[in-house]
Protein backbone atom coordinates (compact mmCIF):
# COMPACT_ATOMS: atom_id res chain seq x y z
CA VAL A 1 -15.95 2.67 -4.64
CA ARG A 2 -15.83 1.75 -1.20
CA LEU A 3 -15.82 -1.78 -1.54
CA LEU A 4 -13.56 -1.62 -4.44
CA ASN A 5 -10.98 0.24 -2.11
CA THR A 6 -11.33 -2.58 0.18
CA VAL A 7 -10.85 -5.42 -2.43
CA VAL A 8 -7.95 -3.20 -3.96
CA LEU A 9 -6.16 -3.04 -0.24
CA LEU A 10 -6.93 -6.74 0.50
CA SER A 11 -5.39 -7.70 -2.90
CA SER A 12 -2.28 -5.69 -2.02
CA GLY A 13 -1.69 -7.71 0.79
CA VAL A 14 -1.67 -10.67 -0.87
CA THR A 15 0.80 -9.36 -3.69
CA VAL A 16 3.16 -8.20 -0.77
CA THR A 17 3.08 -11.37 0.54
CA HIS A 18 4.08 -12.91 -2.56
CA CYS A 19 6.78 -10.54 -2.85
CA ASN A 20 8.04 -11.71 0.76
CA TYR A 21 7.69 -15.19 0.05
CA SER A 22 9.68 -14.87 -3.19
CA VAL A 23 12.70 -12.93 -1.59
CA LEU A 24 12.95 -15.81 1.10
CA ILE A 25 13.23 -18.41 -1.56
CA GLY A 26 15.53 -16.51 -3.55
CA ASP A 27 13.45 -15.50 -6.48
CA ASN A 28 14.04 -11.72 -6.97
CA PHE A 29 12.04 -11.77 -10.15
CA GLY A 30 9.12 -12.77 -8.11
CA GLY A 31 9.61 -10.18 -5.35
CA VAL A 32 10.22 -7.59 -7.98
CA MET A 33 6.77 -8.20 -9.62
CA GLY A 34 5.21 -8.76 -6.41
CA LEU A 35 6.23 -5.17 -5.16
CA VAL A 36 5.36 -3.70 -8.64
CA PHE A 37 2.05 -5.18 -8.46
CA THR A 38 1.61 -3.67 -4.61
CA LEU A 39 2.67 -0.24 -5.50
CA GLY A 40 0.35 -0.04 -8.56
CA LEU A 41 -2.70 -1.12 -6.48
CA GLY A 42 -1.75 1.43 -3.68
CA VAL A 43 -1.72 4.00 -6.47
CA PHE A 44 -4.95 2.95 -7.66
CA PHE A 45 -6.37 3.05 -3.87
CA THR A 46 -5.10 6.52 -4.00
CA LEU A 47 -6.90 7.56 -6.99
CA LEU A 48 -10.27 5.94 -5.81
CA GLN A 49 -9.89 7.47 -2.51
CA GLY A 50 -9.58 10.95 -4.43
CA MET A 51 -12.54 10.06 -6.41
CA GLU A 52 -14.69 9.01 -3.32
CA TYR A 53 -13.78 12.41 -1.75
CA ASN A 54 -14.60 14.37 -5.03
CA ASP A 55 -18.17 12.46 -5.19
CA ALA A 56 -18.96 12.66 -1.56
CA GLY A 57 -21.64 15.45 -1.79
CA PHE A 58 -20.37 16.89 1.53
CA ASN A 59 -17.10 18.48 2.99
CA ILE A 60 -15.19 18.81 6.18
CA SER A 61 -16.91 21.51 7.52
CA ASP A 62 -20.74 20.48 6.72
CA SER A 63 -21.06 18.31 9.68
CA VAL A 64 -19.55 16.41 12.38
CA TYR A 65 -19.90 13.28 10.18
CA GLY A 66 -18.05 15.01 7.35
CA SER A 67 -15.30 16.05 9.75
CA VAL A 68 -14.88 12.51 10.94
CA PHE A 69 -15.49 10.96 7.50
CA PHE A 70 -12.47 13.01 6.13
CA MET A 71 -10.24 12.99 8.97
CA ALA A 72 -10.41 9.12 9.43
CA THR A 73 -10.07 8.30 5.47
CA GLY A 74 -7.47 11.12 4.85
CA PHE A 75 -5.36 9.53 7.83
CA HIS A 76 -5.66 6.29 6.09
CA GLY A 77 -4.90 7.57 2.81
CA PHE A 78 -1.76 9.45 4.15
CA HIS A 79 -0.53 6.02 5.67
CA VAL A 80 -1.01 4.28 2.13
CA ILE A 81 1.22 7.37 0.70
CA VAL A 82 3.47 6.73 3.03
CA GLY A 83 3.83 2.99 2.77
CA SER A 84 3.72 3.15 -1.34
CA LEU A 85 7.15 5.56 -0.65
CA PHE A 86 8.34 2.71 1.82
CA LEU A 87 7.53 0.13 -0.81
CA GLY A 88 9.11 2.10 -3.58
CA VAL A 89 12.34 2.57 -1.86
CA SER A 90 12.15 -1.25 -1.13
CA LEU A 91 11.84 -2.08 -4.94
CA ALA A 92 14.85 -0.01 -5.67
CA ARG A 93 16.88 -1.69 -3.10
CA LEU A 94 15.38 -5.20 -4.37
CA LEU A 95 16.57 -4.24 -7.92
CA LEU A 96 19.84 -3.04 -6.70
CA GLY A 97 20.39 -6.44 -5.20
CA GLN A 98 20.21 -5.09 -1.71
CA PHE A 99 18.14 -7.81 -0.39
CA THR A 100 19.11 -11.21 -0.18
CA MET A 101 17.49 -14.59 1.40
CA SER A 102 19.32 -13.93 4.52
CA GLN A 103 19.42 -10.18 4.65
CA HIS A 104 16.16 -8.21 4.06
CA VAL A 105 15.10 -6.43 7.28
CA GLY A 106 14.53 -3.61 5.24
CA LEU A 107 12.12 -5.05 3.22
CA GLU A 108 10.46 -6.81 6.15
CA CYS A 109 9.79 -3.70 7.90
CA ALA A 110 8.22 -2.39 4.57
CA ILE A 111 6.06 -5.08 4.21
CA TRP A 112 4.65 -5.16 7.98
CA TYR A 113 3.75 -1.64 7.49
CA TRP A 114 1.93 -2.32 4.37
CA HIS A 115 0.06 -4.90 6.23
CA PHE A 116 -0.91 -2.47 8.82
CA VAL A 117 -1.97 -0.03 6.10
CA ASP A 118 -4.34 -2.70 4.36
CA VAL A 119 -5.88 -3.80 7.54
């Protein structure tokens, strides 16, 4: 599951970059598709994270390792959820035509945040 989570997040970096490029060249459909795929990958990552927690065989109070594991991965998972919300708002704004080739700072901020998350 851990390797799959890594692949999912790295793939989401590709799809969100496709969204950015599409908006820059005026292809809103490509931008929408890039965001839809990115959001799907973000949700998939979150589900995989939940499965990993369920199958861990230890909990946060078992040991220092358990505490560090759940704090670090939980912190990262929280940022993925926040990033997904940020991208969801950006998707709505893109669908409403609020982002153009020359005006898309909000989208750029969401994309930069997502790249912070997928590192």
